[in-house]
C-alpha cells in the first residue's frame, strides 16, 4: 500500500483508539481495533448519505452495483398485518431472504455484543427504525 492509502487507515485507527470499548468483547485487540475502525467508517458513510437526496443515493448504489438499476422490492407479501392470526403455514410462507437476514444479523450481534439487554434494545430500536424508514421511504415512490 502506498502512502495515500495508509493515511486514511491511520487516521481511522487514531480515532478508534479514543473510543470506549466496554460494549464489545473480542478475543484479540487487533480485531477490536479493526472492528472499531470499520464502525467509524460505516458511521461516517451513513452521515454522508444522510445529507444526500434520494436520487443521489440511488445513483451511488447503482454505481456500486449495476444490477440494482431498476430494482424494486416485491411488496406482494404483507409483513406485520393481522398478527392475531398466526399459524405454521403462514409463518413458513413468510420465510424468505429478509427473515433469514434478520435472524443471521441477530446471531452476529449476539456474538459481538454478548449482553442480552443491549442486544434486545438494539433489535427493538432497529425495528422502529425500519417502520419509520418504510413510512418515509414510500413518499418518494
Protein backbone atom coordinates (compact mmCIF):
# COMPACT_ATOMS: atom_id res chain seq x y z
CA UNK A 1 0.00 0.00 0.00
CA UNK A 2 1.15 3.44 -0.78
CA UNK A 3 1.25 6.48 1.48
CA UNK A 4 -2.10 7.79 0.20
CA UNK A 5 -3.84 4.51 1.02
CA UNK A 6 -2.34 4.23 4.51
CA UNK A 7 -3.11 7.78 5.64
CA UNK A 8 -6.91 7.34 5.95
CA UNK A 9 -6.42 3.99 7.71
CA UNK A 10 -4.01 5.59 10.15
CA UNK A 11 -6.45 8.43 10.85
CA UNK A 12 -9.31 5.97 11.44
CA UNK A 13 -7.10 3.91 13.74
CA UNK A 14 -6.20 7.00 15.77
CA UNK A 15 -9.88 7.95 16.02
CA UNK A 16 -10.85 4.45 17.11
CA UNK A 17 -8.28 4.25 19.91
CA UNK A 18 -10.06 7.04 21.77
CA UNK A 19 -13.48 5.36 21.61
CA UNK A 20 -14.78 3.29 24.54
CA UNK A 21 -14.59 -0.46 24.12
CA UNK A 22 -16.78 -1.55 27.03
CA UNK A 23 -19.69 -2.94 24.98
CA UNK A 24 -17.70 -5.26 22.72
CA UNK A 25 -15.79 -8.37 23.79
CA UNK A 26 -13.25 -9.60 21.25
CA UNK A 27 -10.54 -12.20 21.67
CA UNK A 28 -7.79 -10.11 20.06
CA UNK A 29 -7.06 -6.37 20.42
CA UNK A 30 -6.19 -6.30 16.72
CA UNK A 31 -9.71 -7.46 15.80
CA UNK A 32 -11.16 -4.91 18.20
CA UNK A 33 -9.26 -2.02 16.61
CA UNK A 34 -10.20 -3.15 13.10
CA UNK A 35 -13.84 -3.51 14.10
CA UNK A 36 -13.95 -0.07 15.66
CA UNK A 37 -12.24 1.41 12.58
CA UNK A 38 -14.84 -0.18 10.32
CA UNK A 39 -17.67 1.02 12.53
CA UNK A 40 -16.32 4.59 12.42
CA UNK A 41 -16.04 4.35 8.64
CA UNK A 42 -19.60 2.99 8.48
CA UNK A 43 -20.85 5.84 10.69
CA UNK A 44 -19.12 8.43 8.51
CA UNK A 45 -20.63 6.93 5.36
CA UNK A 46 -24.09 6.94 6.95
CA UNK A 47 -23.66 10.60 7.90
CA UNK A 48 -22.65 11.37 4.31
CA UNK A 49 -25.68 9.51 2.92
CA UNK A 50 -27.98 11.23 5.39
CA UNK A 51 -27.45 14.61 3.73
CA UNK A 52 -27.89 13.39 0.16
CA UNK A 53 -31.07 13.38 -1.87
CA UNK A 54 -32.90 10.15 -2.66
CA UNK A 55 -31.86 10.21 -6.31
CA UNK A 56 -28.19 10.79 -5.43
CA UNK A 57 -28.13 7.85 -3.01
CA UNK A 58 -29.86 5.65 -5.57
CA UNK A 59 -27.29 6.67 -8.22
CA UNK A 60 -24.42 5.89 -5.81
CA UNK A 61 -25.86 2.45 -5.06
CA UNK A 62 -26.41 1.76 -8.77
CA UNK A 63 -22.82 2.81 -9.45
CA UNK A 64 -21.56 0.40 -6.76
CA UNK A 65 -23.78 -2.44 -8.01
CA UNK A 66 -25.09 -2.04 -11.59
CA UNK A 67 -27.61 -4.87 -11.04
CA UNK A 68 -29.63 -2.52 -8.79
CA UNK A 69 -30.70 -0.43 -11.76
CA UNK A 70 -34.48 -0.62 -11.97
CA UNK A 71 -34.68 -2.80 -8.83
CA UNK A 72 -37.98 -2.81 -6.93
CA UNK A 73 -38.85 -4.68 -3.75
CA UNK A 74 -41.62 -7.22 -4.22
CA UNK A 75 -44.41 -5.91 -2.00
CA UNK A 76 -46.82 -8.80 -2.62
CA UNK A 77 -46.27 -10.27 0.84
CA UNK A 78 -47.80 -8.47 3.78
CA UNK A 79 -45.49 -8.25 6.76
CA UNK A 80 -46.86 -7.28 10.17
CA UNK A 81 -50.51 -7.37 9.09
CA UNK A 82 -53.11 -9.21 11.19
CA UNK A 83 -50.67 -10.59 13.76
CA UNK A 84 -53.51 -12.19 15.73
CA UNK A 85 -53.90 -14.93 13.08
CA UNK A 86 -50.60 -16.84 13.33
CA UNK A 87 -50.30 -20.43 12.17
CA UNK A 88 -47.47 -22.63 10.95
CA UNK A 89 -48.31 -22.37 7.25
CA UNK A 90 -48.46 -18.56 7.38
CA UNK A 91 -45.17 -18.47 9.29
CA UNK A 92 -43.46 -20.82 6.78
CA UNK A 93 -44.87 -18.81 3.86
CA UNK A 94 -43.06 -15.70 5.07
CA UNK A 95 -39.63 -17.38 5.38
CA UNK A 96 -37.56 -15.61 2.75
CA UNK A 97 -34.24 -13.81 2.44
CA UNK A 98 -35.46 -10.99 4.68
CA UNK A 99 -36.37 -13.35 7.53
CA UNK A 100 -33.05 -15.18 7.17
CA UNK A 101 -31.05 -11.93 7.11
CA UNK A 102 -32.84 -10.68 10.24
CA UNK A 103 -32.05 -13.91 12.09
CA UNK A 104 -28.44 -14.06 10.83
CA UNK A 105 -27.88 -10.40 11.77
CA UNK A 106 -29.26 -11.04 15.24
CA UNK A 107 -26.91 -14.02 15.68
CA UNK A 108 -23.90 -11.94 14.62
CA UNK A 109 -24.88 -9.16 17.02
CA UNK A 110 -25.22 -11.76 19.78
CA UNK A 111 -21.69 -12.99 19.11
CA UNK A 112 -20.28 -9.46 19.20
CA UNK A 113 -22.26 -7.75 21.96
CA UNK A 114 -22.83 -10.69 24.34
CA UNK A 115 -25.24 -8.76 26.54
CA UNK A 116 -28.90 -9.77 26.50
CA UNK A 117 -30.34 -6.34 27.40
CA UNK A 118 -28.24 -4.38 24.92
CA UNK A 119 -28.97 -6.95 22.20
CA UNK A 120 -32.75 -6.69 22.61
CA UNK A 121 -32.59 -2.88 22.84
CA UNK A 122 -30.68 -2.71 19.54
CA UNK A 123 -33.14 -5.12 17.91
CA UNK A 124 -36.25 -3.26 19.04
CA UNK A 125 -34.80 0.12 18.07
CA UNK A 126 -33.88 -1.23 14.63
CA UNK A 127 -37.44 -2.47 14.06
CA UNK A 128 -38.74 1.01 15.00
CA UNK A 129 -36.21 2.50 12.56
CA UNK A 130 -37.43 0.18 9.78
CA UNK A 131 -41.02 1.27 10.37
CA UNK A 132 -40.01 4.94 10.21
CA UNK A 133 -37.96 4.37 7.04
CA UNK A 134 -40.86 2.50 5.45
CA UNK A 135 -43.25 5.35 6.21
CA UNK A 136 -40.79 7.97 5.00
CA UNK A 137 -39.48 5.90 2.05
CA UNK A 138 -42.87 5.36 0.42
CA UNK A 139 -43.28 9.10 -0.08
CA UNK A 140 -40.61 9.00 -2.81
CA UNK A 141 -42.06 6.06 -4.75
